[in-house]
Amino acid sequence: MNHHTYSPSGVCSVKIDFDIDDEKKLHNVVFTGGCNGNLKAIGRLVEGKDASEIASILKGNICGNRGTSCADQFSKAIESVM
């Protein structure tokens, strides 16, 4: 299992930590900062799911007028390590 840390930009969260196993499944997703309850929910929902599929689902999700969101930034984090 490989651990990754990503520094998102343009959003309230300041760090995203996650693991990807040898089968490209996501584990232990933790956002630091941001909307705590919603971001914990994302971590629970994606646990054990295919990383590429999750990146595709979350990509382009925006928050307000930011042009991005914590979920969108997570998709970028996944894509950066795939």
N, C-alpha and C. Protein backbone atom coordinates (compact mmCIF):
# COMPACT_ATOMS: atom_id res chain seq x y z
N MET A 1 0.85 -1.17 0.00
CA MET A 1 0.00 0.00 0.00
C MET A 1 0.90 1.23 0.00
N ASN A 2 0.57 2.19 -0.84
CA ASN A 2 1.35 3.42 -0.95
C ASN A 2 0.57 4.59 -0.36
N HIS A 3 1.23 5.34 0.52
CA HIS A 3 0.61 6.51 1.13
C HIS A 3 0.93 7.76 0.31
N HIS A 4 -0.06 8.65 0.20
CA HIS A 4 0.11 9.88 -0.55
C HIS A 4 -0.44 11.05 0.25
N THR A 5 0.21 12.19 0.12
CA THR A 5 -0.26 13.43 0.71
C THR A 5 -0.33 14.47 -0.39
N TYR A 6 -1.45 15.18 -0.47
CA TYR A 6 -1.67 16.18 -1.51
C TYR A 6 -2.04 17.50 -0.85
N SER A 7 -1.50 18.58 -1.36
CA SER A 7 -1.83 19.93 -0.89
C SER A 7 -2.79 20.57 -1.89
N PRO A 8 -4.08 20.60 -1.56
CA PRO A 8 -5.06 21.17 -2.48
C PRO A 8 -4.94 22.69 -2.56
N SER A 9 -5.48 23.26 -3.62
CA SER A 9 -5.46 24.72 -3.75
C SER A 9 -6.86 25.22 -4.10
N GLY A 10 -7.17 26.42 -3.61
CA GLY A 10 -8.45 27.05 -3.91
C GLY A 10 -9.61 26.55 -3.09
N VAL A 11 -9.34 25.75 -2.06
CA VAL A 11 -10.40 25.18 -1.21
C VAL A 11 -10.04 25.36 0.26
N CYS A 12 -10.99 25.04 1.12
CA CYS A 12 -10.78 25.19 2.56
C CYS A 12 -9.86 24.13 3.16
N SER A 13 -9.89 22.91 2.63
CA SER A 13 -8.99 21.89 3.17
C SER A 13 -7.55 22.23 2.77
N VAL A 14 -6.63 21.88 3.65
CA VAL A 14 -5.22 22.21 3.42
C VAL A 14 -4.37 21.00 3.10
N LYS A 15 -4.93 19.79 3.32
CA LYS A 15 -4.16 18.58 3.06
C LYS A 15 -5.12 17.42 2.86
N ILE A 16 -4.76 16.53 1.93
CA ILE A 16 -5.50 15.29 1.72
C ILE A 16 -4.50 14.15 1.81
N ASP A 17 -4.75 13.24 2.74
CA ASP A 17 -3.92 12.03 2.88
C ASP A 17 -4.75 10.83 2.44
N PHE A 18 -4.12 9.90 1.73
CA PHE A 18 -4.83 8.70 1.29
C PHE A 18 -3.83 7.62 0.91
N ASP A 19 -4.31 6.40 0.91
CA ASP A 19 -3.51 5.25 0.50
C ASP A 19 -4.15 4.63 -0.73
N ILE A 20 -3.31 4.06 -1.60
CA ILE A 20 -3.77 3.28 -2.75
C ILE A 20 -3.04 1.94 -2.68
N ASP A 21 -3.82 0.86 -2.70
CA ASP A 21 -3.20 -0.46 -2.61
C ASP A 21 -2.77 -0.95 -4.00
N ASP A 22 -2.22 -2.15 -4.03
CA ASP A 22 -1.71 -2.70 -5.29
C ASP A 22 -2.80 -2.94 -6.33
N GLU A 23 -4.04 -3.04 -5.88
CA GLU A 23 -5.15 -3.24 -6.80
C GLU A 23 -5.80 -1.91 -7.20
N LYS A 24 -5.14 -0.79 -6.85
CA LYS A 24 -5.60 0.57 -7.18
C LYS A 24 -6.90 0.93 -6.47
N LYS A 25 -7.05 0.43 -5.25
CA LYS A 25 -8.21 0.75 -4.41
C LYS A 25 -7.80 1.80 -3.37
N LEU A 26 -8.74 2.68 -3.03
CA LEU A 26 -8.49 3.77 -2.07
C LEU A 26 -8.74 3.31 -0.64
N HIS A 27 -7.91 3.83 0.28
CA HIS A 27 -8.05 3.53 1.70
C HIS A 27 -7.59 4.73 2.52
N ASN A 28 -8.14 4.84 3.71
CA ASN A 28 -7.67 5.80 4.72
C ASN A 28 -7.65 7.24 4.22
N VAL A 29 -8.71 7.67 3.55
CA VAL A 29 -8.79 9.03 3.02
C VAL A 29 -9.12 9.98 4.17
N VAL A 30 -8.25 10.98 4.35
CA VAL A 30 -8.43 11.97 5.42
C VAL A 30 -8.15 13.36 4.88
N PHE A 31 -9.12 14.25 5.02
CA PHE A 31 -8.96 15.65 4.65
C PHE A 31 -8.64 16.43 5.92
N THR A 32 -7.69 17.34 5.85
CA THR A 32 -7.39 18.24 6.96
C THR A 32 -7.94 19.61 6.61
N GLY A 33 -8.83 20.13 7.48
CA GLY A 33 -9.50 21.39 7.20
C GLY A 33 -10.73 21.15 6.34
N GLY A 34 -11.48 22.20 6.10
CA GLY A 34 -12.67 22.07 5.27
C GLY A 34 -13.89 21.68 6.08
N CYS A 35 -14.93 21.27 5.40
CA CYS A 35 -16.20 20.89 6.03
C CYS A 35 -16.08 19.48 6.60
N ASN A 36 -15.75 19.42 7.86
CA ASN A 36 -15.37 18.18 8.51
C ASN A 36 -16.32 17.02 8.26
N GLY A 37 -17.60 17.20 8.51
CA GLY A 37 -18.55 16.10 8.34
C GLY A 37 -18.66 15.62 6.91
N ASN A 38 -18.75 16.55 5.97
CA ASN A 38 -18.86 16.18 4.56
C ASN A 38 -17.60 15.47 4.08
N LEU A 39 -16.45 15.93 4.50
CA LEU A 39 -15.20 15.33 4.03
C LEU A 39 -14.96 13.97 4.67
N LYS A 40 -15.40 13.78 5.91
CA LYS A 40 -15.34 12.44 6.52
C LYS A 40 -16.23 11.49 5.74
N ALA A 41 -17.39 11.99 5.31
CA ALA A 41 -18.32 11.17 4.53
C ALA A 41 -17.69 10.73 3.22
N ILE A 42 -16.99 11.63 2.55
CA ILE A 42 -16.30 11.26 1.30
C ILE A 42 -15.33 10.12 1.58
N GLY A 43 -14.54 10.25 2.63
CA GLY A 43 -13.59 9.20 2.99
C GLY A 43 -14.26 7.85 3.20
N ARG A 44 -15.40 7.86 3.87
CA ARG A 44 -16.12 6.61 4.11
C ARG A 44 -16.71 6.04 2.82
N LEU A 45 -17.26 6.92 1.99
CA LEU A 45 -17.89 6.47 0.75
C LEU A 45 -16.90 5.87 -0.24
N VAL A 46 -15.67 6.36 -0.25
CA VAL A 46 -14.70 5.88 -1.25
C VAL A 46 -13.82 4.75 -0.74
N GLU A 47 -13.92 4.40 0.53
CA GLU A 47 -13.08 3.35 1.11
C GLU A 47 -13.23 2.05 0.32
N GLY A 48 -12.09 1.54 -0.17
CA GLY A 48 -12.06 0.28 -0.89
C GLY A 48 -12.52 0.36 -2.34
N LYS A 49 -12.82 1.55 -2.82
CA LYS A 49 -13.29 1.73 -4.20
C LYS A 49 -12.12 1.96 -5.16
N ASP A 50 -12.38 1.71 -6.43
CA ASP A 50 -11.38 1.90 -7.47
C ASP A 50 -11.00 3.37 -7.60
N ALA A 51 -9.72 3.66 -7.50
CA ALA A 51 -9.23 5.04 -7.49
C ALA A 51 -9.59 5.78 -8.78
N SER A 52 -9.39 5.17 -9.92
CA SER A 52 -9.70 5.84 -11.20
C SER A 52 -11.17 6.15 -11.33
N GLU A 53 -12.02 5.24 -10.90
CA GLU A 53 -13.46 5.46 -10.97
C GLU A 53 -13.87 6.63 -10.07
N ILE A 54 -13.32 6.68 -8.87
CA ILE A 54 -13.64 7.77 -7.95
C ILE A 54 -13.15 9.10 -8.50
N ALA A 55 -11.95 9.13 -9.07
CA ALA A 55 -11.43 10.37 -9.65
C ALA A 55 -12.37 10.86 -10.75
N SER A 56 -12.86 9.96 -11.57
CA SER A 56 -13.77 10.31 -12.66
C SER A 56 -15.09 10.87 -12.13
N ILE A 57 -15.61 10.28 -11.07
CA ILE A 57 -16.88 10.72 -10.48
C ILE A 57 -16.74 12.11 -9.86
N LEU A 58 -15.65 12.36 -9.14
CA LEU A 58 -15.48 13.60 -8.39
C LEU A 58 -14.96 14.77 -9.23
N LYS A 59 -14.32 14.47 -10.35
CA LYS A 59 -13.72 15.51 -11.18
C LYS A 59 -14.77 16.50 -11.68
N GLY A 60 -14.47 17.77 -11.51
CA GLY A 60 -15.35 18.82 -12.01
C GLY A 60 -16.42 19.28 -11.03
N ASN A 61 -16.51 18.64 -9.88
CA ASN A 61 -17.45 19.07 -8.85
C ASN A 61 -16.94 20.40 -8.29
N ILE A 62 -17.81 21.43 -8.28
CA ILE A 62 -17.34 22.74 -7.81
C ILE A 62 -18.09 23.18 -6.55
N CYS A 63 -17.46 24.07 -5.81
CA CYS A 63 -18.01 24.62 -4.57
C CYS A 63 -18.13 26.14 -4.75
N GLY A 64 -19.37 26.63 -4.77
CA GLY A 64 -19.57 28.07 -4.93
C GLY A 64 -18.98 28.57 -6.23
N ASN A 65 -18.28 29.70 -6.16
CA ASN A 65 -17.67 30.28 -7.37
C ASN A 65 -16.16 30.03 -7.43
N ARG A 66 -15.70 29.03 -6.71
CA ARG A 66 -14.26 28.72 -6.65
C ARG A 66 -13.73 28.05 -7.92
N GLY A 67 -14.60 27.40 -8.66
CA GLY A 67 -14.14 26.66 -9.84
C GLY A 67 -13.55 25.31 -9.49
N THR A 68 -13.57 24.94 -8.22
CA THR A 68 -13.08 23.64 -7.75
C THR A 68 -13.79 23.34 -6.44
N SER A 69 -13.46 22.24 -5.83
CA SER A 69 -14.00 21.86 -4.53
C SER A 69 -13.02 20.88 -3.89
N CYS A 70 -13.25 20.54 -2.65
CA CYS A 70 -12.39 19.55 -2.01
C CYS A 70 -12.47 18.21 -2.75
N ALA A 71 -13.68 17.85 -3.21
CA ALA A 71 -13.85 16.61 -3.96
C ALA A 71 -13.09 16.68 -5.29
N ASP A 72 -13.18 17.79 -5.98
CA ASP A 72 -12.46 17.99 -7.24
C ASP A 72 -10.95 17.93 -7.00
N GLN A 73 -10.50 18.55 -5.92
CA GLN A 73 -9.08 18.51 -5.59
C GLN A 73 -8.64 17.09 -5.27
N PHE A 74 -9.51 16.30 -4.63
CA PHE A 74 -9.18 14.90 -4.38
C PHE A 74 -9.03 14.15 -5.69
N SER A 75 -9.87 14.44 -6.68
CA SER A 75 -9.73 13.80 -7.99
C SER A 75 -8.37 14.13 -8.60
N LYS A 76 -7.95 15.38 -8.44
CA LYS A 76 -6.62 15.79 -8.94
C LYS A 76 -5.51 15.07 -8.19
N ALA A 77 -5.70 14.89 -6.89
CA ALA A 77 -4.71 14.15 -6.09
C ALA A 77 -4.56 12.72 -6.58
N ILE A 78 -5.69 12.08 -6.82
CA ILE A 78 -5.66 10.69 -7.32
C ILE A 78 -4.98 10.64 -8.68
N GLU A 79 -5.38 11.53 -9.58
CA GLU A 79 -4.79 11.54 -10.93
C GLU A 79 -3.29 11.80 -10.89
N SER A 80 -2.83 12.57 -9.92
CA SER A 80 -1.40 12.89 -9.85
C SER A 80 -0.54 11.68 -9.49
N VAL A 81 -1.15 10.66 -8.90
CA VAL A 81 -0.36 9.50 -8.50
C VAL A 81 -0.67 8.25 -9.32
N MET A 82 -1.64 8.35 -10.22
CA MET A 82 -2.00 7.16 -11.03
C MET A 82 -1.13 7.06 -12.26
